[in-house]
C-alpha atoms as a PDB file:
ATOM      1  CA  MET A   1       0.000   0.000   0.000  1.00  0.00           C
ATOM      2  CA  LEU A   2       2.784   2.420   0.880  1.00  0.00           C
ATOM      3  CA  ASN A   3       4.404   2.168  -2.558  1.00  0.00           C
ATOM      4  CA  ARG A   4       1.060   2.774  -4.276  1.00  0.00           C
ATOM      5  CA  VAL A   5       0.442   5.901  -2.180  1.00  0.00           C
ATOM      6  CA  ILE A   6       3.932   7.247  -2.932  1.00  0.00           C
ATOM      7  CA  ARG A   7       3.505   6.638  -6.665  1.00  0.00           C
ATOM      8  CA  GLY A   8       0.089   8.293  -6.576  1.00  0.00           C
ATOM      9  CA  ILE A   9       1.450  11.362  -4.806  1.00  0.00           C
ATOM     10  CA  ALA A  10       4.402  11.639  -7.212  1.00  0.00           C
ATOM     11  CA  GLY A  11       2.127  11.295 -10.246  1.00  0.00           C
ATOM     12  CA  THR A  12      -0.283  13.877  -8.885  1.00  0.00           C
ATOM     13  CA  PHE A  13       2.547  16.343  -8.181  1.00  0.00           C
ATOM     14  CA  ILE A  14       3.904  15.893 -11.706  1.00  0.00           C
ATOM     15  CA  LEU A  15       0.525  16.390 -13.387  1.00  0.00           C
ATOM     16  CA  ILE A  16      -0.322  19.440 -11.268  1.00  0.00           C
ATOM     17  CA  SER A  17       3.058  21.042 -11.904  1.00  0.00           C
ATOM     18  CA  LEU A  18       2.713  20.421 -15.660  1.00  0.00           C
ATOM     19  CA  LEU A  19      -0.713  22.069 -15.664  1.00  0.00           C
ATOM     20  CA  LEU A  20       0.667  25.006 -13.702  1.00  0.00           C
ATOM     21  CA  ALA A  21       3.556  25.313 -16.160  1.00  0.00           C
ATOM     22  CA  VAL A  22       1.166  25.429 -19.115  1.00  0.00           C
ATOM     23  CA  TYR A  23      -1.411  27.796 -17.638  1.00  0.00           C
ATOM     24  CA  VAL A  24       0.522  29.886 -15.066  1.00  0.00           C
ATOM     25  CA  ASN A  25       4.297  30.005 -15.516  1.00  0.00           C
ATOM     26  CA  ASN A  26       6.985  27.815 -17.088  1.00  0.00           C
ATOM     27  CA  ASN A  27       9.014  27.931 -13.864  1.00  0.00           C
ATOM     28  CA  TRP A  28       6.691  25.250 -12.439  1.00  0.00           C
ATOM     29  CA  LEU A  29       8.675  22.780 -14.551  1.00  0.00           C
ATOM     30  CA  TRP A  30      11.387  23.055 -11.896  1.00  0.00           C
ATOM     31  CA  PHE A  31       8.980  21.363  -9.481  1.00  0.00           C
ATOM     32  CA  THR A  32       8.435  18.588 -12.040  1.00  0.00           C
ATOM     33  CA  ALA A  33      12.216  18.154 -12.274  1.00  0.00           C
ATOM     34  CA  PHE A  34      12.464  18.097  -8.454  1.00  0.00           C
ATOM     35  CA  VAL A  35       9.916  15.281  -8.203  1.00  0.00           C
ATOM     36  CA  GLY A  36      11.668  13.336 -10.965  1.00  0.00           C
ATOM     37  CA  PHE A  37      15.036  13.794  -9.281  1.00  0.00           C
ATOM     38  CA  ASN A  38      13.634  12.527  -5.986  1.00  0.00           C
ATOM     39  CA  LEU A  39      12.180   9.453  -7.709  1.00  0.00           C
ATOM     40  CA  LEU A  40      15.574   8.724  -9.265  1.00  0.00           C
ATOM     41  CA  GLN A  41      17.408   9.325  -5.988  1.00  0.00           C
ATOM     42  CA  SER A  42      15.082   7.009  -4.064  1.00  0.00           C
ATOM     43  CA  SER A  43      15.585   4.242  -6.619  1.00  0.00           C
ATOM     44  CA  LEU A  44      19.366   4.471  -6.204  1.00  0.00           C
ATOM     45  CA  THR A  45      19.593   4.922  -2.425  1.00  0.00           C
ATOM     46  CA  ARG A  46      16.465   2.998  -1.329  1.00  0.00           C
ATOM     47  CA  TRP A  47      15.532   5.982   0.883  1.00  0.00           C
ATOM     48  CA  CYS A  48      12.456   8.114   0.318  1.00  0.00           C
ATOM     49  CA  LEU A  49      11.525  11.141   2.405  1.00  0.00           C
ATOM     50  CA  MET A  50       7.856  10.776   1.461  1.00  0.00           C
ATOM     51  CA  GLU A  51       7.923   7.221   2.827  1.00  0.00           C
ATOM     52  CA  ASP A  52       9.182   8.506   6.185  1.00  0.00           C
ATOM     53  CA  ILE A  53       6.505  11.217   6.234  1.00  0.00           C
ATOM     54  CA  LEU A  54       3.705   8.765   5.410  1.00  0.00           C
ATOM     55  CA  LYS A  55       4.889   6.329   8.096  1.00  0.00           C
ATOM     56  CA  LYS A  56       4.626   9.137  10.660  1.00  0.00           C
ATOM     57  CA  PHE A  57       1.014   9.598   9.535  1.00  0.00           C
ATOM     58  CA  GLY A  58       0.354   5.900  10.121  1.00  0.00           C
ATOM     59  CA  ILE A  59       0.452   4.566   6.565  1.00  0.00           C
ATOM     60  CA  ASN A  60       2.502   1.380   6.646  1.00  0.00           C
ATOM     61  CA  ASN A  61       3.500  -1.281   4.182  1.00  0.00           C
ATOM     62  CA  GLU A  62       1.028  -4.194   3.964  1.00  0.00           C
ATOM     63  CA  LYS A  63       3.768  -6.798   4.419  1.00  0.00           C
ATOM     64  CA  GLN A  64       4.998  -5.028   7.548  1.00  0.00           C
ATOM     65  CA  GLU A  65       1.454  -4.879   8.938  1.00  0.00           C
ATOM     66  CA  LEU A  66       1.013  -8.618   8.374  1.00  0.00           C
ATOM     67  CA  LYS A  67       4.229  -9.390  10.243  1.00  0.00           C
ATOM     68  CA  GLU A  68       3.208  -7.189  13.165  1.00  0.00           C
ATOM     69  CA  SER A  69      -0.319  -8.646  13.393  1.00  0.00           C
ATOM     70  CA  ARG A  70       0.801 -12.300  13.542  1.00  0.00           C
ATOM     71  CA  PRO A  71       0.755 -13.854  16.993  1.00  0.00           C
ATOM     72  CA  LYS A  72       4.216 -14.630  18.312  1.00  0.00           C
ATOM     73  CA  ALA A  73       4.841 -18.238  19.277  1.00  0.00           C
END
């Protein structure tokens, strides 16, 4: 679930910034580049700031939730 939320947020940011670049100001393309750079960085380092932020809001990975909900023997 966490990966789907992160991808959804990134896609939404990109589409909004593209619309703002077309209808408001071309400088919004810098925000598009920032999101793209962060996606590339997270694929190389396996660290994502958005993932840390979402975890603080209580959105966890489904696999992690399953491990935590299993009774310990």
